[in-house]
Protein backbone atom coordinates (compact mmCIF):
# COMPACT_ATOMS: atom_id res chain seq x y z
CA MET A 1 -21.34 24.80 -45.34
CA SER A 2 -18.81 24.59 -42.77
CA ARG A 3 -15.46 23.85 -43.61
CA ASN A 4 -13.49 21.10 -42.86
CA LYS A 5 -11.38 22.01 -39.78
CA ASP A 6 -8.65 19.73 -40.29
CA ALA A 7 -8.01 21.27 -43.91
CA VAL A 8 -8.13 24.87 -42.28
CA ARG A 9 -5.42 23.79 -39.73
CA LEU A 10 -2.96 22.06 -42.31
CA ALA A 11 -3.65 25.15 -44.39
CA VAL A 12 -2.43 27.75 -41.74
CA LEU A 13 0.59 25.36 -41.03
CA LYS A 14 1.40 25.00 -44.79
CA GLY A 15 0.67 28.63 -45.25
CA VAL A 16 -1.82 27.54 -48.51
CA SER A 17 -5.25 28.17 -49.31
CA TYR A 18 -7.82 26.20 -47.64
CA SER A 19 -8.91 24.45 -51.20
CA MET A 20 -5.18 23.75 -51.61
CA ALA A 21 -5.02 22.05 -48.22
CA LEU A 22 -8.01 20.22 -49.13
CA ARG A 23 -6.68 18.55 -52.06
CA VAL A 24 -3.81 17.46 -50.31
CA ILE A 25 -5.93 15.60 -47.72
CA ARG A 26 -7.78 14.02 -50.78
CA GLU A 27 -4.73 13.10 -52.81
CA ALA A 28 -2.79 11.82 -49.60
CA HIS A 29 -6.58 9.77 -49.12
CA ALA A 30 -6.30 8.42 -52.56
CA GLU A 31 -3.05 6.77 -51.75
CA SER A 32 -4.31 5.07 -48.65
CA PRO A 33 -7.95 4.52 -48.99
CA ASP A 34 -8.21 2.20 -45.94
CA GLU A 35 -7.43 5.31 -43.50
CA SER A 36 -10.26 7.77 -43.07
CA HIS A 37 -9.83 11.36 -44.52
CA HIS A 38 -9.46 12.44 -40.65
CA ALA A 39 -6.83 9.92 -40.03
CA VAL A 40 -5.02 11.02 -43.32
CA ALA A 41 -5.25 14.82 -42.49
CA VAL A 42 -3.69 14.14 -38.71
CA ARG A 43 -1.33 12.39 -40.34
CA LEU A 44 -0.72 15.11 -42.61
CA ILE A 45 -0.96 17.84 -39.71
CA GLU A 46 1.83 15.82 -37.51
CA ALA A 47 4.19 15.89 -40.17
CA GLU A 48 3.89 19.34 -41.28
CA GLU A 49 4.02 20.57 -37.23
CA THR A 50 7.20 18.20 -36.81
CA ARG A 51 8.72 19.80 -39.96
CA LEU A 52 7.90 23.38 -38.55
CA ALA A 53 9.43 22.50 -35.24
CA ALA A 54 12.79 21.10 -36.78
CA VAL A 55 13.55 24.85 -38.57
CA PRO A 56 15.55 27.10 -36.01
CA VAL A 57 13.46 30.10 -34.96
CA LYS A 58 16.52 32.05 -35.59
CA THR A 59 16.68 31.41 -39.24
CA VAL A 60 12.94 32.05 -39.71
CA THR A 61 13.17 35.28 -38.04
CA ALA A 62 16.38 36.43 -39.80
CA MET A 63 14.52 35.87 -43.11
CA PHE A 64 12.13 38.73 -41.99
CA LEU A 65 15.16 41.40 -41.02
CA GLU A 66 16.18 44.25 -42.93
CA PRO A 67 19.70 43.95 -43.80
CA ARG A 68 21.77 46.13 -41.62
CA ALA A 69 23.59 49.24 -43.00
CA GLN A 70 27.33 49.23 -42.48
């Protein structure tokens, strides 16, 4: 059985498991049943990409650096 490509992409962006991303898509679809699962997933992916683009790279990089010895 193949995986849902939208759920895989959302999982990578959010840093969560595939099953959690699939659950997020299903819950969002339940809130707006007039949209297809794919449309809901694309909306969630775009929102996550926008959120990630708003985080300054310097801030993210600094989270993983070792503190400097003084």
